[in-house]
């Protein structure tokens, strides 16, 4: 209870100080208290991560690289699946026309095709896992790049807090004056262009 009382007293003192500064300013001007307080700027900011990732050239390049690998994997699997489908269709045609010399020969061909299908399924599973791992590694690289940049950026800017806003999830209401996304994006892209 003492902790709550102390926090409430501290918060009341901070608010009183802010209102006093706003009220002092309003005595010298005809502006409303909210308009006077609007000129104050807290040492906080936020970055819209969705916008940053869509427009950050490094993120675009990583995403394009992953999409290319995904398309290659999909094309490879589709090609092998089509070849297997043709073999299965040919097998079924031979079964219907009694083209096999013996039941053993038909059974061994069926087993070969089933094994080939299992191998194709395993290849597809392995490729999907590999792509998921590459996506995770890409996310780690991107996250590290942004975090390291933000630390260096904040050494100059001296914010107390920098929030992330993803799909308007973390901020219910925001004032655009605290949005530093455009500045961060510009500097990140300049740095990436130099590194290329």
N, C-alpha and C. Protein backbone atom coordinates (compact mmCIF):
# COMPACT_ATOMS: atom_id res chain seq x y z
N UNK A 1 0.83 -1.19 0.00
CA UNK A 1 0.00 0.00 0.00
C UNK A 1 0.87 1.25 0.00
N UNK A 2 2.02 1.20 0.74
CA UNK A 2 2.91 2.36 0.77
C UNK A 2 3.49 2.62 -0.61
N UNK A 3 3.79 1.53 -1.34
CA UNK A 3 4.35 1.68 -2.68
C UNK A 3 3.34 2.34 -3.60
N UNK A 4 2.07 1.92 -3.51
CA UNK A 4 1.01 2.49 -4.33
C UNK A 4 0.84 3.97 -4.00
N UNK A 5 0.84 4.32 -2.71
CA UNK A 5 0.68 5.71 -2.29
C UNK A 5 1.84 6.54 -2.80
N UNK A 6 3.04 6.00 -2.70
CA UNK A 6 4.23 6.73 -3.19
C UNK A 6 4.13 6.97 -4.70
N UNK A 7 3.73 5.92 -5.45
CA UNK A 7 3.61 6.06 -6.91
C UNK A 7 2.52 7.06 -7.27
N UNK A 8 1.41 7.00 -6.56
CA UNK A 8 0.31 7.93 -6.83
C UNK A 8 0.74 9.37 -6.53
N UNK A 9 1.48 9.56 -5.42
CA UNK A 9 1.98 10.89 -5.05
C UNK A 9 2.97 11.38 -6.10
N UNK A 10 3.85 10.52 -6.54
CA UNK A 10 4.84 10.88 -7.56
C UNK A 10 4.15 11.26 -8.86
N UNK A 11 3.16 10.47 -9.28
CA UNK A 11 2.44 10.76 -10.51
C UNK A 11 1.68 12.08 -10.38
N UNK A 12 1.07 12.32 -9.24
CA UNK A 12 0.34 13.57 -9.02
C UNK A 12 1.29 14.76 -9.10
N UNK A 13 2.50 14.60 -8.54
CA UNK A 13 3.49 15.67 -8.59
C UNK A 13 3.94 15.97 -10.01
N UNK A 14 4.16 14.93 -10.80
CA UNK A 14 4.57 15.11 -12.19
C UNK A 14 3.47 15.81 -12.99
N UNK A 15 2.23 15.36 -12.80
CA UNK A 15 1.11 15.98 -13.51
C UNK A 15 0.93 17.44 -13.07
N UNK A 16 1.07 17.71 -11.78
CA UNK A 16 0.93 19.08 -11.29
C UNK A 16 2.00 19.97 -11.91
N UNK A 17 3.22 19.44 -11.97
CA UNK A 17 4.30 20.21 -12.59
C UNK A 17 4.03 20.49 -14.05
N UNK A 18 3.53 19.51 -14.78
CA UNK A 18 3.23 19.70 -16.20
C UNK A 18 2.11 20.70 -16.38
N UNK A 19 1.07 20.59 -15.54
CA UNK A 19 -0.04 21.54 -15.64
C UNK A 19 0.38 22.94 -15.24
N UNK A 20 1.26 23.06 -14.25
CA UNK A 20 1.74 24.36 -13.84
C UNK A 20 2.49 25.02 -14.98
N UNK A 21 3.34 24.24 -15.66
CA UNK A 21 4.08 24.83 -16.77
C UNK A 21 3.13 25.21 -17.90
N UNK A 22 2.10 24.38 -18.10
CA UNK A 22 1.12 24.72 -19.12
C UNK A 22 0.30 25.93 -18.70
N UNK A 23 -0.07 26.01 -17.41
CA UNK A 23 -0.86 27.14 -16.93
C UNK A 23 -0.05 28.43 -16.98
N UNK A 24 1.24 28.37 -16.62
CA UNK A 24 2.09 29.56 -16.71
C UNK A 24 2.17 30.04 -18.14
N UNK A 25 2.28 29.12 -19.06
CA UNK A 25 2.36 29.50 -20.46
C UNK A 25 1.04 30.07 -20.93
N UNK A 26 -0.08 29.55 -20.41
CA UNK A 26 -1.39 30.02 -20.86
C UNK A 26 -1.69 31.42 -20.34
N UNK A 27 -1.02 31.83 -19.27
CA UNK A 27 -1.23 33.18 -18.76
C UNK A 27 -0.66 34.22 -19.72
N UNK A 28 0.37 33.83 -20.47
CA UNK A 28 0.99 34.78 -21.39
C UNK A 28 0.39 34.71 -22.78
N UNK A 29 -0.55 33.81 -22.98
CA UNK A 29 -1.11 33.63 -24.31
C UNK A 29 -2.58 33.28 -24.18
N UNK A 30 -3.31 33.44 -25.26
CA UNK A 30 -4.73 33.12 -25.27
C UNK A 30 -4.97 31.67 -25.68
N UNK A 31 -3.91 30.87 -25.81
CA UNK A 31 -4.05 29.49 -26.24
C UNK A 31 -4.65 28.64 -25.12
N UNK A 32 -5.30 27.55 -25.50
CA UNK A 32 -5.89 26.63 -24.53
C UNK A 32 -4.77 25.86 -23.83
N UNK A 33 -5.03 25.33 -22.63
CA UNK A 33 -4.00 24.55 -21.94
C UNK A 33 -3.52 23.35 -22.76
N UNK A 34 -4.42 22.69 -23.48
CA UNK A 34 -4.00 21.54 -24.28
C UNK A 34 -3.09 21.98 -25.41
N UNK A 35 -3.36 23.12 -26.00
CA UNK A 35 -2.50 23.61 -27.09
C UNK A 35 -1.12 23.97 -26.55
N UNK A 36 -1.07 24.51 -25.34
CA UNK A 36 0.23 24.85 -24.74
C UNK A 36 1.00 23.57 -24.40
N UNK A 37 0.30 22.59 -23.86
CA UNK A 37 0.96 21.34 -23.50
C UNK A 37 1.40 20.57 -24.75
N UNK A 38 0.73 20.80 -25.86
CA UNK A 38 1.07 20.11 -27.10
C UNK A 38 2.48 20.47 -27.56
N UNK A 39 2.94 21.65 -27.15
CA UNK A 39 4.29 22.06 -27.57
C UNK A 39 5.37 21.31 -26.77
N UNK A 40 4.98 20.71 -25.63
CA UNK A 40 5.92 19.90 -24.87
C UNK A 40 6.17 18.58 -25.61
N UNK A 41 7.36 18.07 -25.47
CA UNK A 41 7.68 16.81 -26.14
C UNK A 41 8.33 15.87 -25.12
N UNK A 42 7.72 14.71 -24.93
CA UNK A 42 8.26 13.72 -24.02
C UNK A 42 9.46 13.03 -24.67
N UNK A 43 10.38 12.49 -23.86
CA UNK A 43 11.55 11.82 -24.43
C UNK A 43 11.25 10.37 -24.85
N UNK A 44 10.16 10.20 -25.61
CA UNK A 44 9.77 8.89 -26.10
C UNK A 44 9.51 8.99 -27.60
N UNK A 45 9.54 7.84 -28.27
CA UNK A 45 9.25 7.79 -29.70
C UNK A 45 8.76 6.39 -30.02
N UNK A 46 8.28 6.24 -31.25
CA UNK A 46 7.91 4.90 -31.69
C UNK A 46 8.25 4.74 -33.17
N UNK A 47 8.43 3.47 -33.54
CA UNK A 47 8.74 3.12 -34.92
C UNK A 47 7.66 2.16 -35.40
N UNK A 48 7.05 2.47 -36.52
CA UNK A 48 6.06 1.59 -37.12
C UNK A 48 6.82 0.49 -37.87
N UNK A 49 6.89 -0.67 -37.27
CA UNK A 49 7.68 -1.78 -37.81
C UNK A 49 7.14 -2.26 -39.15
N UNK A 50 5.82 -2.30 -39.32
CA UNK A 50 5.25 -2.73 -40.59
C UNK A 50 5.75 -1.86 -41.74
N UNK A 51 5.65 -0.57 -41.54
CA UNK A 51 6.11 0.37 -42.56
C UNK A 51 7.61 0.26 -42.78
N UNK A 52 8.34 0.08 -41.71
CA UNK A 52 9.80 -0.04 -41.80
C UNK A 52 10.17 -1.27 -42.63
N UNK A 53 9.56 -2.41 -42.35
CA UNK A 53 9.91 -3.64 -43.06
C UNK A 53 9.49 -3.62 -44.52
N UNK A 54 8.42 -2.93 -44.82
CA UNK A 54 7.97 -2.84 -46.21
C UNK A 54 8.90 -1.96 -47.04
N UNK A 55 9.50 -0.95 -46.41
CA UNK A 55 10.29 0.03 -47.15
C UNK A 55 11.80 -0.06 -46.93
N UNK A 56 12.26 -0.89 -46.03
CA UNK A 56 13.68 -1.03 -45.75
C UNK A 56 14.29 -1.93 -46.84
N UNK A 57 15.26 -1.41 -47.57
CA UNK A 57 15.84 -2.11 -48.71
C UNK A 57 16.46 -3.45 -48.31
N UNK A 58 17.10 -3.51 -47.15
CA UNK A 58 17.70 -4.77 -46.69
C UNK A 58 16.61 -5.82 -46.49
N UNK A 59 15.49 -5.43 -45.89
CA UNK A 59 14.37 -6.35 -45.68
C UNK A 59 13.80 -6.80 -47.03
N UNK A 60 13.69 -5.87 -47.97
CA UNK A 60 13.20 -6.21 -49.30
C UNK A 60 14.11 -7.22 -49.98
N UNK A 61 15.42 -6.99 -49.89
CA UNK A 61 16.39 -7.90 -50.52
C UNK A 61 16.34 -9.29 -49.89
N UNK A 62 16.27 -9.34 -48.55
CA UNK A 62 16.18 -10.63 -47.87
C UNK A 62 14.90 -11.37 -48.25
N UNK A 63 13.81 -10.63 -48.31
CA UNK A 63 12.53 -11.23 -48.65
C UNK A 63 12.54 -11.74 -50.09
N UNK A 64 13.13 -10.96 -50.99
CA UNK A 64 13.21 -11.37 -52.39
C UNK A 64 14.06 -12.63 -52.53
N UNK A 65 15.16 -12.69 -51.80
CA UNK A 65 16.03 -13.87 -51.81
C UNK A 65 15.27 -15.11 -51.32
N UNK A 66 14.52 -14.96 -50.24
CA UNK A 66 13.75 -16.07 -49.71
C UNK A 66 12.64 -16.49 -50.67
N UNK A 67 11.98 -15.52 -51.28
CA UNK A 67 10.92 -15.83 -52.25
C UNK A 67 11.49 -16.59 -53.44
N UNK A 68 12.68 -16.20 -53.88
CA UNK A 68 13.33 -16.89 -55.00
C UNK A 68 13.62 -18.35 -54.64
N UNK A 69 14.16 -18.56 -53.44
CA UNK A 69 14.44 -19.93 -52.99
C UNK A 69 13.15 -20.73 -52.85
N UNK A 70 12.09 -20.09 -52.38
CA UNK A 70 10.80 -20.76 -52.24
C UNK A 70 10.27 -21.19 -53.60
N UNK A 71 10.36 -20.29 -54.59
CA UNK A 71 9.90 -20.62 -55.94
C UNK A 71 10.72 -21.75 -56.55
N UNK A 72 12.04 -21.72 -56.33
CA UNK A 72 12.90 -22.80 -56.84
C UNK A 72 12.50 -24.14 -56.22
N UNK A 73 12.28 -24.15 -54.92
CA UNK A 73 11.90 -25.38 -54.23
C UNK A 73 10.55 -25.88 -54.74
N UNK A 74 9.61 -24.94 -54.89
CA UNK A 74 8.27 -25.32 -55.36
C UNK A 74 8.35 -25.87 -56.79
N UNK A 75 9.14 -25.24 -57.64
CA UNK A 75 9.28 -25.71 -59.02
C UNK A 75 9.91 -27.10 -59.06
N UNK A 76 10.91 -27.32 -58.23
CA UNK A 76 11.56 -28.63 -58.18
C UNK A 76 10.59 -29.71 -57.72
N UNK A 77 9.84 -29.44 -56.66
CA UNK A 77 8.87 -30.40 -56.15
C UNK A 77 7.78 -30.66 -57.19
N UNK A 78 7.27 -29.59 -57.80
CA UNK A 78 6.20 -29.75 -58.81
C UNK A 78 6.68 -30.58 -59.99
N UNK A 79 7.90 -30.34 -60.43
CA UNK A 79 8.47 -31.09 -61.56
C UNK A 79 8.56 -32.57 -61.22
N UNK A 80 9.08 -32.87 -60.03
CA UNK A 80 9.21 -34.27 -59.61
C UNK A 80 7.84 -34.91 -59.39
N UNK A 81 6.89 -34.14 -58.87
CA UNK A 81 5.54 -34.68 -58.65
C UNK A 81 4.86 -34.99 -59.98
N UNK A 82 5.05 -34.14 -60.98
CA UNK A 82 4.46 -34.39 -62.30
C UNK A 82 5.08 -35.63 -62.95
N UNK A 83 6.39 -35.77 -62.80
CA UNK A 83 7.06 -36.96 -63.35
C UNK A 83 6.53 -38.22 -62.67
N UNK A 84 6.33 -38.15 -61.35
CA UNK A 84 5.81 -39.31 -60.62
C UNK A 84 4.37 -39.61 -61.05
N UNK A 85 3.57 -38.57 -61.23
CA UNK A 85 2.18 -38.77 -61.68
C UNK A 85 2.15 -39.50 -63.03
N UNK A 86 3.07 -39.13 -63.92
CA UNK A 86 3.13 -39.81 -65.23
C UNK A 86 3.50 -41.28 -65.06
N UNK A 87 4.45 -41.55 -64.18
CA UNK A 87 4.85 -42.94 -63.93
C UNK A 87 3.70 -43.74 -63.34
N UNK A 88 2.94 -43.13 -62.42
CA UNK A 88 1.80 -43.80 -61.79
C UNK A 88 0.72 -44.06 -62.84
N UNK A 89 0.47 -43.07 -63.70
CA UNK A 89 -0.53 -43.25 -64.76
C UNK A 89 -0.11 -44.38 -65.71
N UNK A 90 1.17 -44.41 -66.04
CA UNK A 90 1.69 -45.48 -66.90
C UNK A 90 1.55 -46.84 -66.21
N UNK A 91 1.84 -46.88 -64.91
CA UNK A 91 1.69 -48.12 -64.15
C UNK A 91 0.23 -48.59 -64.17
N UNK A 92 -0.69 -47.66 -63.94
CA UNK A 92 -2.11 -48.02 -63.93
C UNK A 92 -2.56 -48.51 -65.31
N UNK A 93 -2.05 -47.89 -66.35
CA UNK A 93 -2.39 -48.32 -67.71
C UNK A 93 -1.91 -49.75 -67.95
N UNK A 94 -0.67 -50.03 -67.49
CA UNK A 94 -0.11 -51.37 -67.67
C UNK A 94 -0.90 -52.41 -66.87
N UNK A 95 -1.34 -52.06 -65.66
CA UNK A 95 -2.12 -52.98 -64.84
C UNK A 95 -3.44 -53.29 -65.55
N UNK A 96 -4.08 -52.26 -66.08
CA UNK A 96 -5.38 -52.45 -66.73
C UNK A 96 -5.27 -53.27 -68.02
N UNK A 97 -4.14 -53.16 -68.68
CA UNK A 97 -3.97 -53.90 -69.94
C UNK A 97 -3.20 -55.20 -69.75
N UNK A 98 -2.95 -55.58 -68.52
CA UNK A 98 -2.20 -56.80 -68.20
C UNK A 98 -0.85 -56.83 -68.92
N UNK A 99 -0.16 -55.71 -68.90
CA UNK A 99 1.13 -55.60 -69.58
C UNK A 99 2.28 -56.19 -68.76
N UNK A 100 2.07 -56.41 -67.49
CA UNK A 100 3.14 -56.98 -66.66
C UNK A 100 3.21 -58.49 -66.89
N UNK A 101 4.40 -59.03 -66.93
CA UNK A 101 4.61 -60.45 -67.16
C UNK A 101 4.15 -61.30 -65.99
N UNK A 102 4.26 -60.70 -64.76
CA UNK A 102 3.85 -61.45 -63.57
C UNK A 102 3.33 -60.50 -62.51
N UNK A 103 2.64 -61.08 -61.53
CA UNK A 103 2.14 -60.27 -60.40
C UNK A 103 3.30 -59.73 -59.58
N UNK A 104 4.36 -60.52 -59.46
CA UNK A 104 5.54 -60.06 -58.72
C UNK A 104 6.14 -58.82 -59.36
N UNK A 105 6.20 -58.82 -60.68
CA UNK A 105 6.75 -57.65 -61.39
C UNK A 105 5.86 -56.42 -61.16
N UNK A 106 4.55 -56.59 -61.19
CA UNK A 106 3.62 -55.49 -60.94
C UNK A 106 3.75 -54.99 -59.50
N UNK A 107 3.87 -55.92 -58.57
CA UNK A 107 4.00 -55.56 -57.16
C UNK A 107 5.31 -54.80 -56.91
N UNK A 108 6.40 -55.26 -57.50
CA UNK A 108 7.69 -54.56 -57.30
C UNK A 108 7.66 -53.17 -57.91
N UNK A 109 6.96 -53.02 -59.05
CA UNK A 109 6.83 -51.68 -59.66
C UNK A 109 5.97 -50.78 -58.77
N UNK A 110 4.93 -51.33 -58.19
CA UNK A 110 4.08 -50.56 -57.28
C UNK A 110 4.88 -50.13 -56.05
N UNK A 111 5.65 -51.02 -55.49
CA UNK A 111 6.49 -50.69 -54.33
C UNK A 111 7.52 -49.62 -54.67
N UNK A 112 8.10 -49.72 -55.88
CA UNK A 112 9.07 -48.71 -56.31
C UNK A 112 8.40 -47.33 -56.39
N UNK A 113 7.19 -47.29 -56.95
CA UNK A 113 6.47 -46.01 -57.06
C UNK A 113 6.07 -45.46 -55.69
N UNK A 114 5.68 -46.36 -54.78
CA UNK A 114 5.33 -45.93 -53.43
C UNK A 114 6.56 -45.38 -52.70
N UNK A 115 7.69 -46.02 -52.91
CA UNK A 115 8.93 -45.54 -52.29
C UNK A 115 9.32 -44.18 -52.87
N UNK A 116 9.14 -44.04 -54.17
CA UNK A 116 9.44 -42.77 -54.82
C UNK A 116 8.53 -41.65 -54.27
N UNK A 117 7.26 -41.99 -54.03
CA UNK A 117 6.31 -41.02 -53.45
C UNK A 117 6.74 -40.62 -52.05
N UNK A 118 7.16 -41.61 -51.24
CA UNK A 118 7.65 -41.31 -49.88
C UNK A 118 8.88 -40.41 -49.93
N UNK A 119 9.78 -40.68 -50.86
CA UNK A 119 10.98 -39.85 -51.01
C UNK A 119 10.62 -38.42 -51.40
N UNK A 120 9.64 -38.30 -52.29
CA UNK A 120 9.18 -36.97 -52.72
C UNK A 120 8.54 -36.23 -51.54
N UNK A 121 7.73 -36.92 -50.75
CA UNK A 121 7.12 -36.31 -49.56
C UNK A 121 8.19 -35.86 -48.57
N UNK A 122 9.20 -36.70 -48.38
CA UNK A 122 10.29 -36.35 -47.46
C UNK A 122 11.07 -35.15 -48.00
N UNK A 123 11.34 -35.13 -49.30
CA UNK A 123 12.04 -33.99 -49.90
C UNK A 123 11.24 -32.70 -49.71
N UNK A 124 9.93 -32.78 -49.94
CA UNK A 124 9.06 -31.63 -49.75
C UNK A 124 9.10 -31.15 -48.30
N UNK A 125 9.02 -32.09 -47.36
CA UNK A 125 9.08 -31.77 -45.93
C UNK A 125 10.42 -31.11 -45.58
N UNK A 126 11.51 -31.69 -46.08
CA UNK A 126 12.85 -31.14 -45.80
C UNK A 126 13.01 -29.74 -46.38
N UNK A 127 12.51 -29.55 -47.60
CA UNK A 127 12.59 -28.21 -48.22
C UNK A 127 11.78 -27.19 -47.43
N UNK A 128 10.59 -27.58 -46.96
CA UNK A 128 9.76 -26.67 -46.17
C UNK A 128 10.46 -26.32 -44.86
N UNK A 129 11.07 -27.31 -44.22
CA UNK A 129 11.81 -27.05 -42.98
C UNK A 129 13.00 -26.13 -43.24
N UNK A 130 13.71 -26.38 -44.32
CA UNK A 130 14.86 -25.56 -44.68
C UNK A 130 14.44 -24.12 -44.91
N UNK A 131 13.34 -23.93 -45.63
CA UNK A 131 12.84 -22.57 -45.90
C UNK A 131 12.39 -21.89 -44.60
N UNK A 132 11.77 -22.66 -43.70
CA UNK A 132 11.35 -22.09 -42.41
C UNK A 132 12.57 -21.66 -41.59
N UNK A 133 13.63 -22.47 -41.63
CA UNK A 133 14.86 -22.10 -40.92
C UNK A 133 15.50 -20.86 -41.53
N UNK A 134 15.50 -20.79 -42.86
CA UNK A 134 16.05 -19.61 -43.52
C UNK A 134 15.23 -18.37 -43.17
N UNK A 135 13.91 -18.52 -43.10
CA UNK A 135 13.03 -17.40 -42.71
C UNK A 135 13.36 -16.95 -41.29
N UNK A 136 13.55 -17.90 -40.39
CA UNK A 136 13.89 -17.57 -39.00
C UNK A 136 15.24 -16.87 -38.93
N UNK A 137 16.23 -17.37 -39.68
CA UNK A 137 17.55 -16.72 -39.71
C UNK A 137 17.46 -15.31 -40.29
N UNK A 138 16.63 -15.15 -41.33
CA UNK A 138 16.43 -13.83 -41.92
C UNK A 138 15.83 -12.88 -40.89
N UNK A 139 14.85 -13.36 -40.14
CA UNK A 139 14.21 -12.52 -39.12
C UNK A 139 15.21 -12.12 -38.03
N UNK A 140 16.09 -13.05 -37.65
CA UNK A 140 17.10 -12.75 -36.64
C UNK A 140 18.06 -11.68 -37.17
N UNK A 141 18.53 -11.86 -38.40
CA UNK A 141 19.45 -10.87 -39.01
C UNK A 141 18.80 -9.49 -39.07
N UNK A 142 17.55 -9.47 -39.52
CA UNK A 142 16.84 -8.20 -39.64
C UNK A 142 16.63 -7.56 -38.28
N UNK A 143 16.22 -8.36 -37.30
CA UNK A 143 16.00 -7.86 -35.95
C UNK A 143 17.30 -7.32 -35.35
N UNK A 144 18.40 -8.07 -35.52
CA UNK A 144 19.70 -7.61 -35.01
C UNK A 144 20.13 -6.31 -35.67
N UNK A 145 19.94 -6.23 -36.97
CA UNK A 145 20.32 -5.01 -37.70
C UNK A 145 19.54 -3.81 -37.18
N UNK A 146 18.25 -3.98 -37.03
CA UNK A 146 17.42 -2.85 -36.57
C UNK A 146 17.75 -2.49 -35.12
N UNK A 147 17.88 -3.49 -34.26
CA UNK A 147 18.20 -3.21 -32.85
C UNK A 147 19.54 -2.51 -32.70
N UNK A 148 20.56 -3.01 -33.40
CA UNK A 148 21.88 -2.37 -33.32
C UNK A 148 21.84 -0.95 -33.86
N UNK A 149 21.11 -0.75 -34.94
CA UNK A 149 20.97 0.59 -35.47
C UNK A 149 20.27 1.50 -34.47
N UNK A 150 19.19 0.99 -33.86
CA UNK A 150 18.42 1.82 -32.93
C UNK A 150 19.25 2.21 -31.71
N UNK A 151 20.14 1.32 -31.26
CA UNK A 151 21.02 1.68 -30.14
C UNK A 151 21.93 2.83 -30.53
N UNK A 152 22.53 2.75 -31.70
CA UNK A 152 23.41 3.83 -32.18
C UNK A 152 22.61 5.11 -32.41
N UNK A 153 21.43 4.97 -32.98
CA UNK A 153 20.56 6.12 -33.25
C UNK A 153 20.20 6.82 -31.95
N UNK A 154 19.89 6.03 -30.92
CA UNK A 154 19.45 6.62 -29.66
C UNK A 154 20.61 7.26 -28.89
N UNK A 155 21.84 6.88 -29.18
CA UNK A 155 22.97 7.55 -28.53
C UNK A 155 22.99 9.03 -28.90
N UNK A 156 22.53 9.36 -30.08
CA UNK A 156 22.45 10.76 -30.52
C UNK A 156 21.14 11.42 -30.10
N UNK A 157 20.06 10.65 -30.11
CA UNK A 157 18.73 11.24 -29.90
C UNK A 157 18.33 11.28 -28.42
N UNK A 158 18.84 10.40 -27.60
CA UNK A 158 18.60 10.38 -26.15
C UNK A 158 17.13 10.20 -25.76
N UNK A 159 16.44 9.27 -26.41
CA UNK A 159 15.08 8.94 -25.99
C UNK A 159 15.15 8.05 -24.76
N UNK A 160 14.18 8.18 -23.89
CA UNK A 160 14.08 7.31 -22.73
C UNK A 160 13.46 5.97 -23.14
N UNK A 161 12.50 6.02 -24.05
CA UNK A 161 11.82 4.82 -24.54
C UNK A 161 11.59 4.97 -26.04
N UNK A 162 11.78 3.86 -26.76
CA UNK A 162 11.38 3.80 -28.16
C UNK A 162 10.51 2.56 -28.30
N UNK A 163 9.26 2.78 -28.64
CA UNK A 163 8.30 1.70 -28.79
C UNK A 163 8.29 1.19 -30.23
N UNK A 164 7.81 -0.04 -30.39
CA UNK A 164 7.52 -0.53 -31.74
C UNK A 164 6.01 -0.58 -31.86
N UNK A 165 5.55 -0.33 -33.04
CA UNK A 165 4.12 -0.40 -33.31
C UNK A 165 3.94 -1.31 -34.52
N UNK A 166 3.41 -2.49 -34.28
CA UNK A 166 3.19 -3.45 -35.34
C UNK A 166 1.69 -3.64 -35.51
N UNK A 167 1.20 -3.34 -36.69
CA UNK A 167 -0.23 -3.45 -36.99
C UNK A 167 -1.08 -2.74 -35.92
N UNK A 168 -0.63 -1.58 -35.48
CA UNK A 168 -1.32 -0.80 -34.45
C UNK A 168 -1.61 -1.63 -33.20
N UNK A 169 -0.70 -2.56 -32.89
CA UNK A 169 -0.92 -3.48 -31.78
C UNK A 169 -0.49 -2.89 -30.45
N UNK A 170 0.59 -2.14 -30.42
CA UNK A 170 1.15 -1.69 -29.15
C UNK A 170 0.68 -0.30 -28.75
N UNK A 171 0.22 0.48 -29.68
CA UNK A 171 -0.22 1.83 -29.37
C UNK A 171 -1.69 1.98 -29.72
N UNK A 172 -2.50 2.28 -28.73
CA UNK A 172 -3.92 2.49 -29.01
C UNK A 172 -4.14 3.85 -29.65
N UNK A 173 -3.50 4.86 -29.10
CA UNK A 173 -3.59 6.22 -29.63
C UNK A 173 -2.18 6.76 -29.67
N UNK A 174 -1.83 7.37 -30.77
CA UNK A 174 -0.49 7.92 -30.87
C UNK A 174 -0.53 9.31 -31.50
N UNK A 175 0.46 10.07 -31.14
CA UNK A 175 0.62 11.39 -31.71
C UNK A 175 1.73 11.29 -32.75
N UNK A 176 1.47 11.69 -33.99
CA UNK A 176 2.47 11.55 -35.05
C UNK A 176 3.80 12.24 -34.75
N UNK A 177 3.82 13.18 -33.82
CA UNK A 177 5.09 13.85 -33.54
C UNK A 177 6.09 12.90 -32.86
N UNK A 178 5.60 11.78 -32.33
CA UNK A 178 6.49 10.80 -31.71
C UNK A 178 6.90 9.67 -32.67
N UNK A 179 6.39 9.72 -33.89
CA UNK A 179 6.69 8.69 -34.89
C UNK A 179 8.02 9.03 -35.59
N UNK A 180 9.03 8.21 -35.35
CA UNK A 180 10.35 8.45 -35.94
C UNK A 180 10.63 7.48 -37.08
N UNK A 181 9.61 6.80 -37.56
CA UNK A 181 9.78 5.77 -38.59
C UNK A 181 10.47 6.31 -39.83
N UNK A 182 10.01 7.44 -40.34
CA UNK A 182 10.57 7.99 -41.59
C UNK A 182 12.06 8.30 -41.43
N UNK A 183 12.43 8.89 -40.31
CA UNK A 183 13.84 9.22 -40.06
C UNK A 183 14.68 7.95 -39.96
N UNK A 184 14.20 6.97 -39.21
CA UNK A 184 14.92 5.71 -39.03
C UNK A 184 15.05 5.00 -40.37
N UNK A 185 13.98 4.96 -41.14
CA UNK A 185 13.99 4.29 -42.44
C UNK A 185 15.00 4.95 -43.39
N UNK A 186 15.00 6.25 -43.42
CA UNK A 186 15.94 6.98 -44.29
C UNK A 186 17.38 6.64 -43.92
N UNK A 187 17.69 6.69 -42.65
CA UNK A 187 19.06 6.41 -42.19
C UNK A 187 19.45 4.95 -42.40
N UNK A 188 18.52 4.03 -42.15
CA UNK A 188 18.81 2.62 -42.38
C UNK A 188 19.09 2.35 -43.86
N UNK A 189 18.28 2.92 -44.75
CA UNK A 189 18.48 2.72 -46.18
C UNK A 189 19.78 3.36 -46.66
N UNK A 190 20.13 4.51 -46.11
CA UNK A 190 21.41 5.15 -46.48
C UNK A 190 22.58 4.26 -46.04
N UNK A 191 22.49 3.73 -44.84
CA UNK A 191 23.55 2.87 -44.33
C UNK A 191 23.66 1.58 -45.15
N UNK A 192 22.51 1.00 -45.53
CA UNK A 192 22.51 -0.22 -46.31
C UNK A 192 23.08 0.05 -47.72
N UNK A 193 22.73 1.19 -48.31
CA UNK A 193 23.24 1.52 -49.64
C UNK A 193 24.77 1.66 -49.61
N UNK A 194 25.30 2.23 -48.55
CA UNK A 194 26.76 2.36 -48.42
C UNK A 194 27.41 1.00 -48.25
N UNK A 195 26.77 0.10 -47.51
CA UNK A 195 27.32 -1.23 -47.25
C UNK A 195 27.31 -2.11 -48.50
N UNK A 196 26.37 -1.85 -49.40
CA UNK A 196 26.31 -2.64 -50.64
C UNK A 196 27.51 -2.30 -51.45
